């Protein structure tokens, strides 16, 4: 069951070329949109939003409190534009959702437990993807999916997307045979004494050397 948190916003009158002035005042421009409704321009206190986004994931339900006569709206954060140089949010899009809606979301994966096979020095766990794409009602989408790796006891064992434990009302949108985790041998290790010998032979030799800012809208 998705968690729900609260966030207060204000209707916004400032648009387009004056948005940077709004941002300098400590506010973030945003829009609230949804099915069968006009987009509502709003603004959010930057500090309040950063507190929310620190704990909110792509499936976290937010009880959006609008100033004025508007009723609270249940929303998901659909997009955040960032100024990556300053680490500040530039704009936010909120999607209004209803209990009977079916929405899509990218949900992060979290590995849990210890894989016995990964205890060997030349074996490691590979995790090719960090999230999966799901569809379901807003209240049923998980905030994260735990992947138990304690059953991985041998090299080349794999956990596929089809092996994930999902709520019955939630649909996996990715390919079922997508590899989530694999036990992989990384190659035969070179004995330590050989490595030390190579280092000694190389003494005195020259060492080898090697050599997005989002736009406001």
Protein backbone atom coordinates (compact mmCIF):
# COMPACT_ATOMS: atom_id res chain seq x y z
CA UNK A 1 0.00 0.00 0.00
CA UNK A 2 1.42 3.36 -1.02
CA UNK A 3 2.10 5.83 1.76
CA UNK A 4 0.54 9.29 1.73
CA UNK A 5 1.97 12.62 2.86
CA UNK A 6 0.72 16.20 2.86
CA UNK A 7 1.93 19.27 0.99
CA UNK A 8 0.46 22.78 0.86
CA UNK A 9 0.60 24.86 -2.34
CA UNK A 10 -0.72 28.23 -3.49
CA UNK A 11 -2.30 29.23 -6.77
CA UNK A 12 0.22 30.93 -9.04
CA UNK A 13 -0.28 34.12 -11.03
CA UNK A 14 3.31 34.52 -12.19
CA UNK A 15 4.10 32.81 -15.50
CA UNK A 16 6.82 32.51 -18.14
CA UNK A 17 9.50 35.24 -18.08
CA UNK A 18 8.84 36.16 -14.44
CA UNK A 19 9.40 32.64 -13.11
CA UNK A 20 13.04 33.26 -12.22
CA UNK A 21 11.91 36.10 -9.98
CA UNK A 22 9.51 33.69 -8.29
CA UNK A 23 12.32 31.19 -7.76
CA UNK A 24 14.57 33.83 -6.25
CA UNK A 25 11.87 34.47 -3.66
CA UNK A 26 12.14 30.87 -2.47
CA UNK A 27 9.15 29.44 -4.35
CA UNK A 28 8.96 26.72 -6.99
CA UNK A 29 6.52 26.99 -9.93
CA UNK A 30 4.42 23.88 -10.49
CA UNK A 31 1.37 22.60 -12.33
CA UNK A 32 -1.42 20.29 -11.20
CA UNK A 33 -3.11 18.36 -13.99
CA UNK A 34 -5.27 15.28 -14.44
CA UNK A 35 -8.00 13.58 -16.38
CA UNK A 36 -10.95 15.81 -17.32
CA UNK A 37 -9.54 18.91 -15.64
CA UNK A 38 -7.66 22.02 -16.67
CA UNK A 39 -4.09 22.39 -15.55
CA UNK A 40 -3.78 24.52 -12.39
CA UNK A 41 -0.63 26.70 -12.04
CA UNK A 42 0.60 26.65 -8.43
CA UNK A 43 3.68 27.55 -6.43
CA UNK A 44 5.35 25.72 -3.55
CA UNK A 45 7.65 26.82 -0.76
CA UNK A 46 11.05 25.37 -1.69
CA UNK A 47 11.87 24.21 1.83
CA UNK A 48 8.54 22.41 2.23
CA UNK A 49 8.91 20.69 -1.13
CA UNK A 50 12.46 19.52 -0.45
CA UNK A 51 11.26 17.95 2.81
CA UNK A 52 8.56 16.08 0.90
CA UNK A 53 10.71 14.98 -2.02
CA UNK A 54 13.35 13.63 0.37
CA UNK A 55 10.93 10.90 1.41
CA UNK A 56 8.52 10.70 -1.53
CA UNK A 57 8.98 8.16 -4.30
CA UNK A 58 7.28 7.85 -7.70
CA UNK A 59 4.30 6.06 -6.13
CA UNK A 60 3.97 8.12 -2.95
CA UNK A 61 0.48 9.61 -2.73
CA UNK A 62 0.53 13.29 -1.77
CA UNK A 63 -2.45 15.05 -0.22
CA UNK A 64 -2.09 18.39 -1.98
CA UNK A 65 -3.66 21.22 0.00
CA UNK A 66 -4.56 24.17 -2.25
CA UNK A 67 -5.15 27.57 -0.72
CA UNK A 68 -8.66 28.88 -1.27
CA UNK A 69 -11.94 27.05 -1.88
CA UNK A 70 -10.39 24.11 -3.74
CA UNK A 71 -10.71 20.66 -2.20
CA UNK A 72 -7.48 18.75 -1.43
CA UNK A 73 -6.21 16.73 -4.37
CA UNK A 74 -4.50 13.34 -4.20
CA UNK A 75 -1.51 13.53 -6.53
CA UNK A 76 1.69 11.83 -7.61
CA UNK A 77 4.89 13.71 -8.44
CA UNK A 78 5.15 13.10 -12.18
CA UNK A 79 8.19 15.20 -13.08
CA UNK A 80 10.79 17.45 -11.45
CA UNK A 81 13.05 19.74 -13.48
CA UNK A 82 16.35 20.37 -11.69
CA UNK A 83 19.06 22.97 -11.85
CA UNK A 84 21.85 20.45 -11.48
CA UNK A 85 24.58 23.02 -10.85
CA UNK A 86 22.77 24.39 -7.81
CA UNK A 87 20.86 21.25 -6.90
CA UNK A 88 17.60 23.18 -6.84
CA UNK A 89 14.20 22.14 -8.25
CA UNK A 90 13.05 24.44 -11.07
CA UNK A 91 9.57 23.13 -11.81
CA UNK A 92 7.26 20.33 -10.66
CA UNK A 93 4.37 18.51 -12.33
CA UNK A 94 1.70 16.86 -10.15
CA UNK A 95 -0.71 14.28 -11.56
CA UNK A 96 -4.15 14.12 -9.92
CA UNK A 97 -5.18 10.49 -9.34
CA UNK A 98 -8.42 8.85 -8.25
CA UNK A 99 -8.97 5.47 -6.59
CA UNK A 100 -10.32 3.94 -9.81
CA UNK A 101 -7.43 5.22 -11.94
CA UNK A 102 -4.76 2.88 -13.24
CA UNK A 103 -1.37 4.56 -13.46
CA UNK A 104 2.12 3.59 -14.53
CA UNK A 105 5.24 4.16 -12.48
CA UNK A 106 8.92 3.22 -12.34
CA UNK A 107 9.43 1.55 -8.95
CA UNK A 108 12.92 1.10 -7.44
CA UNK A 109 14.32 -2.30 -6.44
CA UNK A 110 15.98 -2.92 -3.08
CA UNK A 111 18.16 -6.00 -2.54
CA UNK A 112 17.68 -7.73 0.82
CA UNK A 113 19.53 -10.55 2.54
CA UNK A 114 22.89 -12.19 1.84
CA UNK A 115 23.58 -14.34 -1.21
CA UNK A 116 25.65 -17.39 -0.07
CA UNK A 117 27.19 -17.72 -3.54
CA UNK A 118 28.63 -14.21 -3.36
CA UNK A 119 30.84 -15.13 -0.41
CA UNK A 120 33.60 -16.41 -2.71
CA UNK A 121 36.36 -13.96 -3.67
CA UNK A 122 35.84 -14.35 -7.42
CA UNK A 123 32.02 -14.14 -7.36
CA UNK A 124 29.79 -11.08 -7.23
CA UNK A 125 26.14 -10.10 -7.56
CA UNK A 126 25.23 -8.16 -10.68
CA UNK A 127 22.11 -5.99 -10.71
CA UNK A 128 21.59 -4.83 -14.33
CA UNK A 129 18.49 -2.73 -13.58
CA UNK A 130 17.58 -0.59 -10.58
CA UNK A 131 13.83 -0.24 -11.19
CA UNK A 132 10.89 -1.91 -12.88
CA UNK A 133 7.82 -0.45 -14.55
CA UNK A 134 4.43 -1.29 -13.06
CA UNK A 135 0.79 -0.44 -13.63
CA UNK A 136 -1.94 -0.45 -11.00
CA UNK A 137 -4.24 1.63 -8.88
CA UNK A 138 -2.46 4.49 -7.06
CA UNK A 139 -3.07 2.98 -3.63
CA UNK A 140 -1.71 -0.46 -4.61
CA UNK A 141 1.56 0.52 -6.24
CA UNK A 142 4.47 -0.18 -3.86
CA UNK A 143 7.02 2.51 -3.02
CA UNK A 144 9.81 -0.04 -3.57
CA UNK A 145 10.14 -3.75 -4.29
CA UNK A 146 12.32 -5.88 -2.05
CA UNK A 147 14.34 -8.60 -3.79
CA UNK A 148 15.47 -11.40 -1.46
CA UNK A 149 18.85 -12.73 -2.66
CA UNK A 150 19.35 -15.27 0.14
CA UNK A 151 18.31 -18.12 -2.18
CA UNK A 152 21.25 -17.50 -4.55
CA UNK A 153 23.64 -20.32 -3.62
CA UNK A 154 25.38 -21.07 -6.94
CA UNK A 155 27.18 -19.21 -9.73
CA UNK A 156 24.95 -18.24 -12.68
CA UNK A 157 21.74 -18.33 -10.64
CA UNK A 158 19.36 -15.55 -11.72
CA UNK A 159 16.34 -13.71 -10.36
CA UNK A 160 14.09 -12.58 -13.21
CA UNK A 161 11.43 -9.88 -13.31
CA UNK A 162 8.80 -12.63 -13.33
CA UNK A 163 10.08 -13.77 -9.93
CA UNK A 164 9.22 -10.49 -8.20
CA UNK A 165 6.45 -10.64 -5.62
CA UNK A 166 3.88 -8.04 -6.62
CA UNK A 167 0.39 -7.23 -5.32
CA UNK A 168 -2.22 -9.18 -7.29
CA UNK A 169 -3.73 -5.94 -8.61
CA UNK A 170 -0.39 -4.69 -9.97
CA UNK A 171 0.89 -5.57 -13.46
CA UNK A 172 4.53 -5.86 -14.52
CA UNK A 173 5.12 -3.87 -17.71
CA UNK A 174 8.70 -5.03 -18.32
CA UNK A 175 9.61 -8.29 -20.03
CA UNK A 176 9.20 -11.27 -17.64
CA UNK A 177 12.67 -12.60 -18.52
CA UNK A 178 14.40 -9.29 -17.67
CA UNK A 179 17.37 -10.11 -15.40
CA UNK A 180 17.09 -8.44 -11.99
CA UNK A 181 20.03 -10.07 -10.20
CA UNK A 182 22.63 -12.61 -11.35
CA UNK A 183 25.44 -14.42 -9.55
CA UNK A 184 28.48 -13.84 -11.76
CA UNK A 185 32.02 -15.20 -11.62
CA UNK A 186 34.38 -12.30 -12.28
CA UNK A 187 37.33 -14.38 -13.53
CA UNK A 188 40.21 -16.27 -12.02
CA UNK A 189 42.10 -14.12 -9.55
CA UNK A 190 45.84 -13.65 -9.96
CA UNK A 191 47.81 -15.04 -6.95
CA UNK A 192 49.05 -12.30 -4.63
CA UNK A 193 52.72 -13.37 -4.97
CA UNK A 194 52.51 -13.00 -8.76
CA UNK A 195 51.02 -9.53 -8.42
CA UNK A 196 53.79 -8.53 -6.01
CA UNK A 197 56.43 -9.85 -8.43
CA UNK A 198 55.02 -7.76 -11.28
CA UNK A 199 55.07 -4.68 -9.08
CA UNK A 200 58.73 -5.25 -8.19
CA UNK A 201 59.69 -5.68 -11.85
CA UNK A 202 57.92 -2.46 -12.74
CA UNK A 203 59.71 -0.30 -10.17
CA UNK A 204 61.34 2.69 -11.79
CA UNK A 205 59.15 2.52 -14.87
CA UNK A 206 57.01 5.59 -15.65
CA UNK A 207 53.47 5.35 -14.35
CA UNK A 208 50.61 5.25 -16.85
CA UNK A 209 48.09 8.08 -16.76
CA UNK A 210 44.58 8.36 -18.06
CA UNK A 211 42.69 10.88 -18.69
CA UNK A 212 23.57 19.14 -17.25
CA UNK A 213 22.19 22.17 -16.38
CA UNK A 214 18.39 21.97 -16.79
CA UNK A 215 16.78 25.01 -18.35
CA UNK A 216 13.97 26.70 -16.48
CA UNK A 217 10.61 26.46 -18.15
